[in-house]
Amino acid sequence: MQSKTQSASWPPDLFLLLSSRDLLYSAIPSFVIALFLWKLFVHSRRDRGTVPRAPHLIPWIGNLKALLFDPVTWPWRMHEKYGEVFTTTVLGFNFTFLQGQPMITAFAKGSTQELDMMEAYKKIFTPLVGAELFSSNPNEVREALTTHRLNYIQPALYQYIRGDILNRTRDLVPETGWSGPIVLQELLRISIFRQACFSLVSPTMASVHGEYLFKRMKSMDVNNGDSTNILIPWETAIKRRRKQEREEIIACVGGYVKGCMTELITVGEDEIPDDFLGFIIKTTWSRAELEKANDDTIHDYSQKVAARIYGLFFAGFLGTASLGAWAMHDLLTENPRYFQRVRDDVDRIVEAARNISAEEPPHVEDHDFLNACITETTRQYSIGTWIRWAEKPFILPPGPSGKPRVIPHGFVTVTTEAIRTDKNVYYDCETYNPERYFQAPFASKSEYQQTMTNMICLDSLRAPPINMNCVMQTSFGVGSHHCPGRPFAYRMITTFFTALMESFDVELYQTPENAGGKHKMLCTPLFASRELISDITICIRREVPF
């Protein structure tokens, strides 16, 4: 009897298994119905003045994984699915993505109160590189880094950079024949940073403390560190190291700023200086204010200026070095005719300078084709998104329904892939071709006339427009907050290329890793900028004696 009762009862494990299976069978239809209702809800919001929302599975976390690991193609796929505007959730924030010229125009024309660029970047970068990054003023940079000031410092800058390149390669290049393999980025990055030090602070700082500051600025590169620290609210070893090195940079630069302030008080008149640092100081404080200031106040002033310089180092040095590496990679691995054309231009510009005097520096601002090469590189490996912060809901132009749409409070970005690949502007858009900027539909600034309604006027850097109504390049932003240092970035790259190629013949050192233009790159989370992470190896041969 006992055995019969035991055989009739269910084992506990079997009961749990059957219960779990029943629960699963019940959950599947519920999930399908919930998903259907969600999609129906999202679709219905299109026609009610709001924008569709890309779904996610985990509340608050949202589509974080997509923006971290697929920042280029994921927004593109979502645009194909939801249209030119959609919103998603990431870490509790709304992220709205815009695509297409009407949306870009609205984005660019949004005032600082409506769409705040600085607030957006502060929320993302402050945990990694400090609030000091945002001390600089884009307008003062635009006014200070004029063509006049760049030309004023260019002769001394060129001689300094060429001498630095020769000193760094002295033991690497034999008297005759080719050198062994050299990693180009090591030469390029320190050269770009020394140019930034020379131009923004002083030649003395570039020579004496350039290496010291360079090592510390490298640790500020988000792609070299642990970008997941953005997501960690508490202090980490990486954050402590970045903070310490940031303070060391500001302290070092502050010493030079203080010396410049003292000099401006004791000598000279009240006119605005030609150098960048003097300009920043004189347009921030009057001579009377500097004369009345005690030592503590002068120290406080110098630290504020040093923080602004640090912000410019971060924004200018890291981005320009990355762009310069891509530009040289393209010239060395793409059509050899392009590299030879740049080489011929360097020889021509150098010869023109030598006809004036043996010490006359080449006029690197005369580069035209090299500027076109840089422009094409910025198109090929452009920044994938521009970003702003909307404190309140923001109204977009009417959509297909003819009614205005409202995007929610939070981050607002423009996905730029459609600009880079616009076949109406860039024929064979996936091919690297700097010669496209010398033919239709483009016209140089000197050739363009108002009657050329079907032509696109290029600027002095052989680059297409970035104005609010017509955006055809993506790497330097748009609207009132587009990058004010763009001419400076081009100038630093052309200075390095000219100084290197005046002194050496350059060729690519072929390896299995770079054969056929192969390379490794990293897409920065959210911004989707393409960073070259594989080495560019070159061999060089003396063009002139040391």
Foldseek 3Di string as FASTA:
>chain_A
DVVVVVVVDDDPVVVVVVVVVVVVVVVVVVVVVVVVVLVVVQVVVVPVQAFGEDAADDPLQKVQVCLAAPVFVVVVVVCVVGNQWYWIHHNRFIEIEGEDQLQLLQVQPQDCQFWPQLVVVCLQQCLQQHPLLPLADQVLLLVQPDPQLCVVCVLVLLVVLLVVLCVVCVVQADPFDWGDKDFVLVSLLLLLQLSLCCQQFRNVCSPPVSVVLSVLLVLSPCVVDDSCSSVPPDDDPSSVSSVVSSVVQLVVSLVSLLVVLVCVLPDDDLDQDSGNSSNVVSVVDPSVVSVPDDPVVSSVVSSSVSSNSSSCCNVQSVVLSQLLVLLVLCCQQDDVVLVVVVLVVLVVQCVVQVVVHPSRDGPLLPDALSLLSSQLSCLQQHWFKRKTFGQAWDWGQDDPVRDIHIYGGGMYMYGCNCLSPVCLQDPVSNDRDSCSLVDPLEDEQVGDDPVSPSHFYAYSSSHGDQESNDHRGHHQHHHPRGRSCVVVSSVSSSSNVSSQSQFKDKHFDDDPCCPNNHFDWDQHRNRGGTGTDDTGIMMIHTPDGD
